[in-house]
Amino acid sequence: MSSFVTKFAVATAIVMGSLGAIATTAPAQAASVDIVVKPRVVIKPAPRVVIKQAPRVVVVRPAPVIVVKPAGRCQPGLALAKASRNGLNKVAISHIGPNRVTVSGKIRGNWAKVSFANVRGCPGI
């Protein structure tokens, strides 16, 4: 719409200017037509500034490591059987603690001790 008004104003100024030129050629004019064309002032709004917050820092922690100990304890009979399979003769349990089972016996005529972990399956230490 504003471009239409601007074009209309320019066209009117041209027409009025041509009328003034014709009028100056006419003899004895009482008044002259003055046309003042003022430039249009356009006030644009300031650009809109949008301040975005920084993205939230997401801390990803690894899942906790869950250690599941097998249920049960080292059975004394199983510890004796494992010790005899390892080469001990005259095996006997010498100590049972919360973490280990110690089996003593003879191997090639010398006394020796073998320790097993006090968990299910009696793994050797």
PDB file of N, CA and C in Angstrom:
ATOM      1  N   MET A   1       0.829  -1.189   0.000  1.00  0.00           N
ATOM      2  CA  MET A   1       0.000   0.000   0.000  1.00  0.00           C
ATOM      3  C   MET A   1       0.870   1.248   0.000  1.00  0.00           C
ATOM      4  N   SER A   2       1.977   1.210   0.769  1.00  0.00           N
ATOM      5  CA  SER A   2       2.818   2.409   0.841  1.00  0.00           C
ATOM      6  C   SER A   2       3.490   2.690  -0.503  1.00  0.00           C
ATOM      7  N   SER A   3       3.809   1.646  -1.278  1.00  0.00           N
ATOM      8  CA  SER A   3       4.416   1.879  -2.589  1.00  0.00           C
ATOM      9  C   SER A   3       3.410   2.533  -3.534  1.00  0.00           C
ATOM     10  N   PHE A   4       2.144   2.221  -3.401  1.00  0.00           N
ATOM     11  CA  PHE A   4       1.113   2.850  -4.223  1.00  0.00           C
ATOM     12  C   PHE A   4       1.006   4.336  -3.896  1.00  0.00           C
ATOM     13  N   VAL A   5       1.028   4.673  -2.609  1.00  0.00           N
ATOM     14  CA  VAL A   5       0.938   6.079  -2.196  1.00  0.00           C
ATOM     15  C   VAL A   5       2.160   6.846  -2.691  1.00  0.00           C
ATOM     16  N   THR A   6       3.321   6.231  -2.620  1.00  0.00           N
ATOM     17  CA  THR A   6       4.550   6.884  -3.079  1.00  0.00           C
ATOM     18  C   THR A   6       4.487   7.139  -4.580  1.00  0.00           C
ATOM     19  N   LYS A   7       4.053   6.142  -5.320  1.00  0.00           N
ATOM     20  CA  LYS A   7       3.946   6.309  -6.771  1.00  0.00           C
ATOM     21  C   LYS A   7       2.924   7.398  -7.134  1.00  0.00           C
ATOM     22  N   PHE A   8       1.835   7.448  -6.402  1.00  0.00           N
ATOM     23  CA  PHE A   8       0.808   8.458  -6.641  1.00  0.00           C
ATOM     24  C   PHE A   8       1.347   9.859  -6.363  1.00  0.00           C
ATOM     25  N   ALA A   9       2.126   9.995  -5.280  1.00  0.00           N
ATOM     26  CA  ALA A   9       2.691  11.298  -4.941  1.00  0.00           C
ATOM     27  C   ALA A   9       3.682  11.755  -5.994  1.00  0.00           C
ATOM     28  N   VAL A  10       4.509  10.861  -6.494  1.00  0.00           N
ATOM     29  CA  VAL A  10       5.474  11.216  -7.539  1.00  0.00           C
ATOM     30  C   VAL A  10       4.744  11.597  -8.826  1.00  0.00           C
ATOM     31  N   ALA A  11       3.713  10.854  -9.171  1.00  0.00           N
ATOM     32  CA  ALA A  11       2.949  11.169 -10.383  1.00  0.00           C
ATOM     33  C   ALA A  11       2.267  12.531 -10.256  1.00  0.00           C
ATOM     34  N   THR A  12       1.751  12.825  -9.087  1.00  0.00           N
ATOM     35  CA  THR A  12       1.093  14.117  -8.859  1.00  0.00           C
ATOM     36  C   THR A  12       2.108  15.251  -8.970  1.00  0.00           C
ATOM     37  N   ALA A  13       3.319  15.034  -8.443  1.00  0.00           N
ATOM     38  CA  ALA A  13       4.345  16.073  -8.524  1.00  0.00           C
ATOM     39  C   ALA A  13       4.740  16.340  -9.971  1.00  0.00           C
ATOM     40  N   ILE A  14       4.824  15.288 -10.749  1.00  0.00           N
ATOM     41  CA  ILE A  14       5.180  15.455 -12.164  1.00  0.00           C
ATOM     42  C   ILE A  14       4.092  16.225 -12.902  1.00  0.00           C
ATOM     43  N   VAL A  15       2.850  15.871 -12.626  1.00  0.00           N
ATOM     44  CA  VAL A  15       1.728  16.547 -13.291  1.00  0.00           C
ATOM     45  C   VAL A  15       1.682  18.014 -12.876  1.00  0.00           C
ATOM     46  N   MET A  16       1.877  18.277 -11.602  1.00  0.00           N
ATOM     47  CA  MET A  16       1.816  19.670 -11.126  1.00  0.00           C
ATOM     48  C   MET A  16       2.992  20.481 -11.678  1.00  0.00           C
ATOM     49  N   GLY A  17       4.137  19.832 -11.798  1.00  0.00           N
ATOM     50  CA  GLY A  17       5.288  20.538 -12.377  1.00  0.00           C
ATOM     51  C   GLY A  17       5.064  20.886 -13.836  1.00  0.00           C
ATOM     52  N   SER A  18       4.429  19.973 -14.544  1.00  0.00           N
ATOM     53  CA  SER A  18       4.143  20.274 -15.951  1.00  0.00           C
ATOM     54  C   SER A  18       3.085  21.368 -16.070  1.00  0.00           C
ATOM     55  N   LEU A  19       2.160  21.393 -15.117  1.00  0.00           N
ATOM     56  CA  LEU A  19       1.156  22.471 -15.130  1.00  0.00           C
ATOM     57  C   LEU A  19       1.810  23.815 -14.834  1.00  0.00           C
ATOM     58  N   GLY A  20       2.796  23.787 -13.959  1.00  0.00           N
ATOM     59  CA  GLY A  20       3.504  25.036 -13.645  1.00  0.00           C
ATOM     60  C   GLY A  20       4.277  25.553 -14.839  1.00  0.00           C
ATOM     61  N   ALA A  21       4.852  24.630 -15.612  1.00  0.00           N
ATOM     62  CA  ALA A  21       5.589  25.053 -16.794  1.00  0.00           C
ATOM     63  C   ALA A  21       4.652  25.644 -17.835  1.00  0.00           C
ATOM     64  N   ILE A  22       3.470  25.092 -17.947  1.00  0.00           N
ATOM     65  CA  ILE A  22       2.488  25.612 -18.892  1.00  0.00           C
ATOM     66  C   ILE A  22       1.991  26.969 -18.414  1.00  0.00           C
ATOM     67  N   ALA A  23       1.824  27.068 -17.086  1.00  0.00           N
ATOM     68  CA  ALA A  23       1.291  28.315 -16.533  1.00  0.00           C
ATOM     69  C   ALA A  23       2.288  29.457 -16.674  1.00  0.00           C
ATOM     70  N   THR A  24       3.596  29.164 -16.587  1.00  0.00           N
ATOM     71  CA  THR A  24       4.582  30.241 -16.724  1.00  0.00           C
ATOM     72  C   THR A  24       4.620  30.783 -18.148  1.00  0.00           C
ATOM     73  N   THR A  25       4.234  29.965 -19.084  1.00  0.00           N
ATOM     74  CA  THR A  25       4.206  30.446 -20.458  1.00  0.00           C
ATOM     75  C   THR A  25       2.967  31.289 -20.731  1.00  0.00           C
ATOM     76  N   ALA A  26       1.966  31.149 -19.884  1.00  0.00           N
ATOM     77  CA  ALA A  26       0.761  31.950 -20.058  1.00  0.00           C
ATOM     78  C   ALA A  26       1.043  33.387 -19.590  1.00  0.00           C
ATOM     79  N   PRO A  27       0.446  34.363 -20.249  1.00  0.00           N
ATOM     80  CA  PRO A  27       0.701  35.747 -19.863  1.00  0.00           C
ATOM     81  C   PRO A  27       0.013  36.106 -18.558  1.00  0.00           C
ATOM     82  N   ALA A  28       0.676  36.850 -17.746  1.00  0.00           N
ATOM     83  CA  ALA A  28       0.168  37.495 -16.531  1.00  0.00           C
ATOM     84  C   ALA A  28      -0.556  36.527 -15.617  1.00  0.00           C
ATOM     85  N   GLN A  29       0.190  35.856 -14.777  1.00  0.00           N
ATOM     86  CA  GLN A  29      -0.408  34.951 -13.784  1.00  0.00           C
ATOM     87  C   GLN A  29      -0.528  35.685 -12.479  1.00  0.00           C
ATOM     88  N   ALA A  30      -1.592  35.437 -11.812  1.00  0.00           N
ATOM     89  CA  ALA A  30      -1.807  36.085 -10.524  1.00  0.00           C
ATOM     90  C   ALA A  30      -1.094  35.341  -9.421  1.00  0.00           C
ATOM     91  N   ALA A  31      -1.089  34.045  -9.485  1.00  0.00           N
ATOM     92  CA  ALA A  31      -0.437  33.258  -8.431  1.00  0.00           C
ATOM     93  C   ALA A  31       0.226  32.051  -9.068  1.00  0.00           C
ATOM     94  N   SER A  32       1.273  31.606  -8.457  1.00  0.00           N
ATOM     95  CA  SER A  32       1.928  30.422  -8.960  1.00  0.00           C
ATOM     96  C   SER A  32       1.699  29.271  -7.977  1.00  0.00           C
ATOM     97  N   VAL A  33       1.790  28.100  -8.479  1.00  0.00           N
ATOM     98  CA  VAL A  33       1.567  26.916  -7.656  1.00  0.00           C
ATOM     99  C   VAL A  33       2.922  26.399  -7.184  1.00  0.00           C
ATOM    100  N   ASP A  34       3.104  26.324  -5.866  1.00  0.00           N
ATOM    101  CA  ASP A  34       4.337  25.786  -5.302  1.00  0.00           C
ATOM    102  C   ASP A  34       4.065  24.371  -4.783  1.00  0.00           C
ATOM    103  N   ILE A  35       4.875  23.451  -5.219  1.00  0.00           N
ATOM    104  CA  ILE A  35       4.747  22.065  -4.763  1.00  0.00           C
ATOM    105  C   ILE A  35       5.972  21.740  -3.920  1.00  0.00           C
ATOM    106  N   VAL A  36       5.727  21.278  -2.723  1.00  0.00           N
ATOM    107  CA  VAL A  36       6.805  20.881  -1.829  1.00  0.00           C
ATOM    108  C   VAL A  36       6.678  19.369  -1.610  1.00  0.00           C
ATOM    109  N   VAL A  37       7.707  18.689  -2.022  1.00  0.00           N
ATOM    110  CA  VAL A  37       7.730  17.236  -1.834  1.00  0.00           C
ATOM    111  C   VAL A  37       8.683  16.935  -0.690  1.00  0.00           C
ATOM    112  N   LYS A  38       8.121  16.427   0.387  1.00  0.00           N
ATOM    113  CA  LYS A  38       8.935  16.096   1.552  1.00  0.00           C
ATOM    114  C   LYS A  38       9.278  14.604   1.502  1.00  0.00           C
ATOM    115  N   PRO A  39      10.517  14.281   1.823  1.00  0.00           N
ATOM    116  CA  PRO A  39      10.862  12.850   1.853  1.00  0.00           C
ATOM    117  C   PRO A  39      10.129  12.163   3.006  1.00  0.00           C
ATOM    118  N   ARG A  40       9.716  10.989   2.725  1.00  0.00           N
ATOM    119  CA  ARG A  40       8.986  10.236   3.732  1.00  0.00           C
ATOM    120  C   ARG A  40       9.973   9.681   4.752  1.00  0.00           C
ATOM    121  N   VAL A  41       9.677   9.869   6.005  1.00  0.00           N
ATOM    122  CA  VAL A  41      10.534   9.374   7.078  1.00  0.00           C
ATOM    123  C   VAL A  41       9.967   8.037   7.550  1.00  0.00           C
ATOM    124  N   VAL A  42      10.788   7.028   7.446  1.00  0.00           N
ATOM    125  CA  VAL A  42      10.372   5.690   7.859  1.00  0.00           C
ATOM    126  C   VAL A  42      11.157   5.327   9.114  1.00  0.00           C
ATOM    127  N   ILE A  43      10.461   5.072  10.160  1.00  0.00           N
ATOM    128  CA  ILE A  43      11.096   4.663  11.411  1.00  0.00           C
ATOM    129  C   ILE A  43      10.896   3.171  11.554  1.00  0.00           C
ATOM    130  N   LYS A  44      11.995   2.466  11.463  1.00  0.00           N
ATOM    131  CA  LYS A  44      11.930   1.020  11.607  1.00  0.00           C
ATOM    132  C   LYS A  44      12.154   0.656  13.060  1.00  0.00           C
ATOM    133  N   PRO A  45      11.420  -0.312  13.528  1.00  0.00           N
ATOM    134  CA  PRO A  45      11.662  -0.720  14.910  1.00  0.00           C
ATOM    135  C   PRO A  45      13.039  -1.362  15.044  1.00  0.00           C
ATOM    136  N   ALA A  46      13.588  -1.231  16.229  1.00  0.00           N
ATOM    137  CA  ALA A  46      14.902  -1.822  16.481  1.00  0.00           C
ATOM    138  C   ALA A  46      14.816  -3.331  16.299  1.00  0.00           C
ATOM    139  N   PRO A  47      15.899  -3.942  15.828  1.00  0.00           N
ATOM    140  CA  PRO A  47      15.851  -5.395  15.670  1.00  0.00           C
ATOM    141  C   PRO A  47      15.651  -6.072  17.012  1.00  0.00           C
ATOM    142  N   ARG A  48      14.886  -7.097  16.967  1.00  0.00           N
ATOM    143  CA  ARG A  48      14.551  -7.808  18.186  1.00  0.00           C
ATOM    144  C   ARG A  48      15.693  -8.742  18.557  1.00  0.00           C
ATOM    145  N   VAL A  49      16.151  -8.601  19.767  1.00  0.00           N
ATOM    146  CA  VAL A  49      17.257  -9.422  20.241  1.00  0.00           C
ATOM    147  C   VAL A  49      16.688 -10.507  21.127  1.00  0.00           C
ATOM    148  N   VAL A  50      16.953 -11.720  20.751  1.00  0.00           N
ATOM    149  CA  VAL A  50      16.469 -12.855  21.525  1.00  0.00           C
ATOM    150  C   VAL A  50      17.679 -13.483  22.200  1.00  0.00           C
ATOM    151  N   ILE A  51      17.650 -13.504  23.491  1.00  0.00           N
ATOM    152  CA  ILE A  51      18.746 -14.097  24.245  1.00  0.00           C
ATOM    153  C   ILE A  51      18.301 -15.475  24.678  1.00  0.00           C
ATOM    154  N   LYS A  52      18.990 -16.439  24.153  1.00  0.00           N
ATOM    155  CA  LYS A  52      18.656 -17.818  24.504  1.00  0.00           C
ATOM    156  C   LYS A  52      19.599 -18.281  25.595  1.00  0.00           C
ATOM    157  N   GLN A  53      19.053 -19.014  26.492  1.00  0.00           N
ATOM    158  CA  GLN A  53      19.889 -19.554  27.550  1.00  0.00           C
ATOM    159  C   GLN A  53      20.761 -20.660  26.967  1.00  0.00           C
ATOM    160  N   ALA A  54      21.936 -20.765  27.544  1.00  0.00           N
ATOM    161  CA  ALA A  54      22.835 -21.827  27.105  1.00  0.00           C
ATOM    162  C   ALA A  54      22.196 -23.171  27.409  1.00  0.00           C
ATOM    163  N   PRO A  55      22.427 -24.154  26.563  1.00  0.00           N
ATOM    164  CA  PRO A  55      21.840 -25.467  26.849  1.00  0.00           C
ATOM    165  C   PRO A  55      22.382 -26.012  28.164  1.00  0.00           C
ATOM    166  N   ARG A  56      21.530 -26.701  28.835  1.00  0.00           N
ATOM    167  CA  ARG A  56      21.911 -27.248  30.130  1.00  0.00           C
ATOM    168  C   ARG A  56      22.983 -28.311  29.944  1.00  0.00           C
ATOM    169  N   VAL A  57      23.913 -28.265  30.827  1.00  0.00           N
ATOM    170  CA  VAL A  57      24.980 -29.258  30.781  1.00  0.00           C
ATOM    171  C   VAL A  57      24.448 -30.524  31.430  1.00  0.00           C
ATOM    172  N   VAL A  58      24.458 -31.568  30.667  1.00  0.00           N
ATOM    173  CA  VAL A  58      23.961 -32.838  31.161  1.00  0.00           C
ATOM    174  C   VAL A  58      25.162 -33.711  31.500  1.00  0.00           C
ATOM    175  N   VAL A  59      25.251 -34.062  32.743  1.00  0.00           N
ATOM    176  CA  VAL A  59      26.353 -34.904  33.186  1.00  0.00           C
ATOM    177  C   VAL A  59      25.875 -36.347  33.142  1.00  0.00           C
ATOM    178  N   VAL A  60      26.533 -37.115  32.330  1.00  0.00           N
ATOM    179  CA  VAL A  60      26.159 -38.520  32.199  1.00  0.00           C
ATOM    180  C   VAL A  60      27.143 -39.335  33.022  1.00  0.00           C
ATOM    181  N   ARG A  61      26.619 -39.956  34.005  1.00  0.00           N
ATOM    182  CA  ARG A  61      27.461 -40.782  34.854  1.00  0.00           C
ATOM    183  C   ARG A  61      27.271 -42.235  34.449  1.00  0.00           C
ATOM    184  N   PRO A  62      28.355 -42.981  34.442  1.00  0.00           N
ATOM    185  CA  PRO A  62      28.191 -44.390  34.081  1.00  0.00           C
ATOM    186  C   PRO A  62      27.396 -45.123  35.144  1.00  0.00           C
ATOM    187  N   ALA A  63      26.749 -46.159  34.716  1.00  0.00           N
ATOM    188  CA  ALA A  63      25.953 -46.955  35.649  1.00  0.00           C
ATOM    189  C   ALA A  63      26.871 -47.578  36.696  1.00  0.00           C
ATOM    190  N   PRO A  64      26.400 -47.666  37.922  1.00  0.00           N
ATOM    191  CA  PRO A  64      27.249 -48.265  38.944  1.00  0.00           C
ATOM    192  C   PRO A  64      27.520 -49.730  38.648  1.00  0.00           C
ATOM    193  N   VAL A  65      28.707 -50.142  38.982  1.00  0.00           N
ATOM    194  CA  VAL A  65      29.093 -51.529  38.771  1.00  0.00           C
ATOM    195  C   VAL A  65      28.612 -52.331  39.968  1.00  0.00           C
ATOM    196  N   ILE A  66      27.817 -53.307  39.691  1.00  0.00           N
ATOM    197  CA  ILE A  66      27.263 -54.135  40.760  1.00  0.00           C
ATOM    198  C   ILE A  66      28.005 -55.464  40.748  1.00  0.00           C
ATOM    199  N   VAL A  67      28.648 -55.739  41.837  1.00  0.00           N
ATOM    200  CA  VAL A  67      29.378 -56.996  41.968  1.00  0.00           C
ATOM    201  C   VAL A  67      28.514 -57.940  42.778  1.00  0.00           C
ATOM    202  N   VAL A  68      28.147 -59.017  42.159  1.00  0.00           N
ATOM    203  CA  VAL A  68      27.302 -59.998  42.834  1.00  0.00           C
ATOM    204  C   VAL A  68      28.179 -61.183  43.201  1.00  0.00           C
ATOM    205  N   LYS A  69      28.316 -61.379  44.484  1.00  0.00           N
ATOM    206  CA  LYS A  69      29.078 -62.535  44.935  1.00  0.00           C
ATOM    207  C   LYS A  69      28.162 -63.745  44.890  1.00  0.00           C
ATOM    208  N   PRO A  70      28.671 -64.840  44.436  1.00  0.00           N
ATOM    209  CA  PRO A  70      27.830 -66.018  44.408  1.00  0.00           C
ATOM    210  C   PRO A  70      27.420 -66.413  45.824  1.00  0.00           C
ATOM    211  N   ALA A  71      26.210 -66.849  45.920  1.00  0.00           N
ATOM    212  CA  ALA A  71      25.694 -67.221  47.238  1.00  0.00           C
ATOM    213  C   ALA A  71      26.359 -68.504  47.721  1.00  0.00           C
ATOM    214  N   GLY A  72      26.501 -68.604  49.004  1.00  0.00           N
ATOM    215  CA  GLY A  72      27.055 -69.819  49.581  1.00  0.00           C
ATOM    216  C   GLY A  72      28.522 -69.674  49.927  1.00  0.00           C
ATOM    217  N   ARG A  73      29.041 -70.667  50.579  1.00  0.00           N
ATOM    218  CA  ARG A  73      30.430 -70.677  51.027  1.00  0.00           C
ATOM    219  C   ARG A  73      31.119 -71.910  50.482  1.00  0.00           C
ATOM    220  N   CYS A  74      32.417 -71.922  50.653  1.00  0.00           N
ATOM    221  CA  CYS A  74      33.203 -73.077  50.231  1.00  0.00           C
ATOM    222  C   CYS A  74      32.902 -74.241  51.177  1.00  0.00           C
ATOM    223  N   GLN A  75      32.424 -75.325  50.625  1.00  0.00           N
ATOM    224  CA  GLN A  75      32.125 -76.485  51.461  1.00  0.00           C
ATOM    225  C   GLN A  75      33.437 -77.203  51.798  1.00  0.00           C
ATOM    226  N   PRO A  76      33.618 -77.597  53.043  1.00  0.00           N
ATOM    227  CA  PRO A  76      34.869 -78.248  53.437  1.00  0.00           C
ATOM    228  C   PRO A  76      35.174 -79.497  52.622  1.00  0.00           C
ATOM    229  N   GLY A  77      34.175 -80.290  52.294  1.00  0.00           N
ATOM    230  CA  GLY A  77      34.402 -81.511  51.512  1.00  0.00           C
ATOM    231  C   GLY A  77      34.909 -81.188  50.117  1.00  0.00           C
ATOM    232  N   LEU A  78      34.380 -80.120  49.515  1.00  0.00           N
ATOM    233  CA  LEU A  78      34.824 -79.718  48.181  1.00  0.00           C
ATOM    234  C   LEU A  78      36.267 -79.207  48.229  1.00  0.00           C
ATOM    235  N   ALA A  79      36.613 -78.453  49.287  1.00  0.00           N
ATOM    236  CA  ALA A  79      37.990 -77.965  49.426  1.00  0.00           C
ATOM    237  C   ALA A  79      38.959 -79.136  49.585  1.00  0.00           C
ATOM    238  N   LEU A  80      38.581 -80.165  50.367  1.00  0.00           N
ATOM    239  CA  LEU A  80      39.442 -81.341  50.535  1.00  0.00           C
ATOM    240  C   LEU A  80      39.614 -82.088  49.213  1.00  0.00           C
ATOM    241  N   ALA A  81      38.534 -82.211  48.440  1.00  0.00           N
ATOM    242  CA  ALA A  81      38.590 -82.917  47.158  1.00  0.00           C
ATOM    243  C   ALA A  81      39.483 -82.176  46.165  1.00  0.00           C
ATOM    244  N   LYS A  82      39.374 -80.863  46.130  1.00  0.00           N
ATOM    245  CA  LYS A  82      40.208 -80.083  45.216  1.00  0.00           C
ATOM    246  C   LYS A  82      41.676 -80.163  45.605  1.00  0.00           C
ATOM    247  N   ALA A  83      41.952 -80.140  46.920  1.00  0.00           N
ATOM    248  CA  ALA A  83      43.345 -80.219  47.377  1.00  0.00           C
ATOM    249  C   ALA A  83      43.950 -81.578  47.022  1.00  0.00           C
ATOM    250  N   SER A  84      43.194 -82.637  47.164  1.00  0.00           N
ATOM    251  CA  SER A  84      43.727 -83.961  46.828  1.00  0.00           C
ATOM    252  C   SER A  84      43.933 -84.108  45.319  1.00  0.00           C
ATOM    253  N   ARG A  85      43.078 -83.459  44.514  1.00  0.00           N
ATOM    254  CA  ARG A  85      43.279 -83.484  43.061  1.00  0.00           C
ATOM    255  C   ARG A  85      44.504 -82.681  42.650  1.00  0.00           C
ATOM    256  N   ASN A  86      44.891 -81.685  43.472  1.00  0.00           N
ATOM    257  CA  ASN A  86      46.086 -80.887  43.193  1.00  0.00           C
ATOM    258  C   ASN A  86      47.377 -81.589  43.629  1.00  0.00           C
ATOM    259  N   GLY A  87      47.281 -82.765  44.228  1.00  0.00           N
ATOM    260  CA  GLY A  87      48.486 -83.519  44.564  1.00  0.00           C
ATOM    261  C   GLY A  87      48.782 -83.643  46.043  1.00  0.00           C
ATOM    262  N   LEU A  88      47.931 -83.122  46.935  1.00  0.00           N
ATOM    263  CA  LEU A  88      48.160 -83.241  48.381  1.00  0.00           C
ATOM    264  C   LEU A  88      47.647 -84.599  48.866  1.00  0.00           C
ATOM    265  N   ASN A  89      48.421 -85.183  49.779  1.00  0.00           N
ATOM    266  CA  ASN A  89      48.016 -86.432  50.414  1.00  0.00           C
ATOM    267  C   ASN A  89      47.767 -86.153  51.893  1.00  0.00           C
ATOM    268  N   LYS A  90      46.958 -86.978  52.512  1.00  0.00           N
ATOM    269  CA  LYS A  90      46.617 -86.816  53.924  1.00  0.00           C
ATOM    270  C   LYS A  90      46.086 -85.408  54.192  1.00  0.00           C
ATOM    271  N   VAL A  91      45.111 -84.979  53.409  1.00  0.00           N
ATOM    272  CA  VAL A  91      44.589 -83.613  53.486  1.00  0.00           C
ATOM    273  C   VAL A  91      43.707 -83.441  54.710  1.00  0.00           C
ATOM    274  N   ALA A  92      43.752 -82.235  55.252  1.00  0.00           N
ATOM    275  CA  ALA A  92      42.906 -81.860  56.378  1.00  0.00           C
ATOM    276  C   ALA A  92      42.718 -80.346  56.335  1.00  0.00           C
ATOM    277  N   ILE A  93      41.581 -79.915  56.814  1.00  0.00           N
ATOM    278  CA  ILE A  93      41.323 -78.474  56.849  1.00  0.00           C
ATOM    279  C   ILE A  93      42.030 -77.915  58.073  1.00  0.00           C
ATOM    280  N   SER A  94      42.914 -76.939  57.868  1.00  0.00           N
ATOM    281  CA  SER A  94      43.648 -76.374  58.989  1.00  0.00           C
ATOM    282  C   SER A  94      43.012 -75.083  59.495  1.00  0.00           C
ATOM    283  N   HIS A  95      42.322 -74.326  58.610  1.00  0.00           N
ATOM    284  CA  HIS A  95      41.712 -73.066  59.059  1.00  0.00           C
ATOM    285  C   HIS A  95      40.576 -72.689  58.103  1.00  0.00           C
ATOM    286  N   ILE A  96      39.472 -72.220  58.705  1.00  0.00           N
ATOM    287  CA  ILE A  96      38.360 -71.677  57.921  1.00  0.00           C
ATOM    288  C   ILE A  96      38.125 -70.259  58.425  1.00  0.00           C
ATOM    289  N   GLY A  97      38.362 -69.288  57.570  1.00  0.00           N
ATOM    290  CA  GLY A  97      38.143 -67.879  57.910  1.00  0.00           C
ATOM    291  C   GLY A  97      36.989 -67.318  57.103  1.00  0.00           C
ATOM    292  N   PRO A  98      36.674 -66.014  57.298  1.00  0.00           N
ATOM    293  CA  PRO A  98      35.564 -65.422  56.549  1.00  0.00           C
ATOM    294  C   PRO A  98      35.853 -65.310  55.049  1.00  0.00           C
ATOM    295  N   ASN A  99      37.148 -65.255  54.675  1.00  0.00           N
ATOM    296  CA  ASN A  99      37.495 -65.067  53.262  1.00  0.00           C
ATOM    297  C   ASN A  99      38.249 -66.233  52.641  1.00  0.00           C
ATOM    298  N   ARG A 100      38.803 -67.116  53.455  1.00  0.00           N
ATOM    299  CA  ARG A 100      39.597 -68.202  52.884  1.00  0.00           C
ATOM    300  C   ARG A 100      39.481 -69.467  53.712  1.00  0.00           C
ATOM    301  N   VAL A 101      39.689 -70.578  52.997  1.00  0.00           N
ATOM    302  CA  VAL A 101      39.728 -71.909  53.611  1.00  0.00           C
ATOM    303  C   VAL A 101      41.113 -72.464  53.317  1.00  0.00           C
ATOM    304  N   THR A 102      41.842 -72.860  54.374  1.00  0.00           N
ATOM    305  CA  THR A 102      43.199 -73.379  54.209  1.00  0.00           C
ATOM    306  C   THR A 102      43.192 -74.882  54.468  1.00  0.00           C
ATOM    307  N   VAL A 103      43.742 -75.599  53.485  1.00  0.00           N
ATOM    308  CA  VAL A 103      43.830 -77.061  53.585  1.00  0.00           C
ATOM    309  C   VAL A 103      45.315 -77.416  53.636  1.00  0.00           C
ATOM    310  N   SER A 104      45.706 -78.238  54.584  1.00  0.00           N
ATOM    311  CA  SER A 104      47.107 -78.668  54.679  1.00  0.00           C
ATOM    312  C   SER A 104      47.193 -80.155  54.363  1.00  0.00           C
ATOM    313  N   GLY A 105      48.350 -80.579  53.909  1.00  0.00           N
ATOM    314  CA  GLY A 105      48.562 -81.976  53.564  1.00  0.00           C
ATOM    315  C   GLY A 105      50.011 -82.178  53.163  1.00  0.00           C
ATOM    316  N   LYS A 106      50.321 -83.414  52.771  1.00  0.00           N
ATOM    317  CA  LYS A 106      51.683 -83.745  52.373  1.00  0.00           C
ATOM    318  C   LYS A 106      51.753 -83.852  50.855  1.00  0.00           C
ATOM    319  N   ILE A 107      52.857 -83.346  50.328  1.00  0.00           N
ATOM    320  CA  ILE A 107      53.128 -83.485  48.912  1.00  0.00           C
ATOM    321  C   ILE A 107      54.610 -83.868  48.793  1.00  0.00           C
ATOM    322  N   ARG A 108      54.887 -85.057  48.235  1.00  0.00           N
ATOM    323  CA  ARG A 108      56.239 -85.604  48.096  1.00  0.00           C
ATOM    324  C   ARG A 108      56.971 -85.659  49.443  1.00  0.00           C
ATOM    325  N   GLY A 109      56.223 -85.933  50.474  1.00  0.00           N
ATOM    326  CA  GLY A 109      56.823 -86.099  51.800  1.00  0.00           C
ATOM    327  C   GLY A 109      56.950 -84.824  52.593  1.00  0.00           C
ATOM    328  N   ASN A 110      56.632 -83.667  52.055  1.00  0.00           N
ATOM    329  CA  ASN A 110      56.719 -82.381  52.771  1.00  0.00           C
ATOM    330  C   ASN A 110      55.317 -81.850  53.031  1.00  0.00           C
ATOM    331  N   TRP A 111      55.205 -81.189  54.182  1.00  0.00           N
ATOM    332  CA  TRP A 111      53.913 -80.592  54.485  1.00  0.00           C
ATOM    333  C   TRP A 111      53.731 -79.334  53.643  1.00  0.00           C
ATOM    334  N   ALA A 112      52.493 -79.127  53.124  1.00  0.00           N
ATOM    335  CA  ALA A 112      52.176 -77.958  52.294  1.00  0.00           C
ATOM    336  C   ALA A 112      50.764 -77.479  52.625  1.00  0.00           C
ATOM    337  N   LYS A 113      50.508 -76.247  52.318  1.00  0.00           N
ATOM    338  CA  LYS A 113      49.181 -75.675  52.534  1.00  0.00           C
ATOM    339  C   LYS A 113      48.661 -75.115  51.214  1.00  0.00           C
ATOM    340  N   VAL A 114      47.376 -75.298  51.008  1.00  0.00           N
ATOM    341  CA  VAL A 114      46.701 -74.739  49.837  1.00  0.00           C
ATOM    342  C   VAL A 114      45.533 -73.917  50.352  1.00  0.00           C
ATOM    343  N   SER A 115      45.362 -72.667  49.817  1.00  0.00           N
ATOM    344  CA  SER A 115      44.272 -71.792  50.254  1.00  0.00           C
ATOM    345  C   SER A 115      43.232 -71.681  49.148  1.00  0.00           C
ATOM    346  N   PHE A 116      41.980 -71.685  49.565  1.00  0.00           N
ATOM    347  CA  PHE A 116      40.848 -71.522  48.660  1.00  0.00           C
ATOM    348  C   PHE A 116      40.012 -70.346  49.146  1.00  0.00           C
ATOM    349  N   ALA A 117      39.391 -69.639  48.219  1.00  0.00           N
ATOM    350  CA  ALA A 117      38.496 -68.558  48.610  1.00  0.00           C
ATOM    351  C   ALA A 117      37.233 -69.145  49.210  1.00  0.00           C
ATOM    352  N   ASN A 118      36.711 -68.475  50.225  1.00  0.00           N
ATOM    353  CA  ASN A 118      35.544 -68.984  50.939  1.00  0.00           C
ATOM    354  C   ASN A 118      34.264 -68.498  50.239  1.00  0.00           C
ATOM    355  N   VAL A 119      34.126 -68.863  48.973  1.00  0.00           N
ATOM    356  CA  VAL A 119      32.912 -68.594  48.204  1.00  0.00           C
ATOM    357  C   VAL A 119      32.497 -69.876  47.519  1.00  0.00           C
ATOM    358  N   ARG A 120      31.330 -69.857  46.919  1.00  0.00           N
ATOM    359  CA  ARG A 120      30.816 -71.057  46.277  1.00  0.00           C
ATOM    360  C   ARG A 120      31.760 -71.518  45.181  1.00  0.00           C
ATOM    361  N   GLY A 121      32.059 -72.789  45.156  1.00  0.00           N
ATOM    362  CA  GLY A 121      32.941 -73.367  44.145  1.00  0.00           C
ATOM    363  C   GLY A 121      34.376 -73.492  44.594  1.00  0.00           C
ATOM    364  N   CYS A 122      34.783 -72.859  45.689  1.00  0.00           N
ATOM    365  CA  CYS A 122      36.131 -72.917  46.247  1.00  0.00           C
ATOM    366  C   CYS A 122      37.212 -72.625  45.212  1.00  0.00           C
ATOM    367  N   PRO A 123      37.233 -71.432  44.605  1.00  0.00           N
ATOM    368  CA  PRO A 123      38.322 -71.139  43.660  1.00  0.00           C
ATOM    369  C   PRO A 123      39.645 -71.012  44.401  1.00  0.00           C
ATOM    370  N   GLY A 124      40.707 -71.447  43.782  1.00  0.00           N
ATOM    371  CA  GLY A 124      42.037 -71.381  44.418  1.00  0.00           C
ATOM    372  C   GLY A 124      42.569 -69.959  44.448  1.00  0.00           C
ATOM    373  N   ILE A 125      43.328 -69.693  45.500  1.00  0.00           N
ATOM    374  CA  ILE A 125      43.940 -68.347  45.634  1.00  0.00           C
ATOM    375  C   ILE A 125      45.418 -68.484  45.300  1.00  0.00           C
TER     376      ILE A 125
END
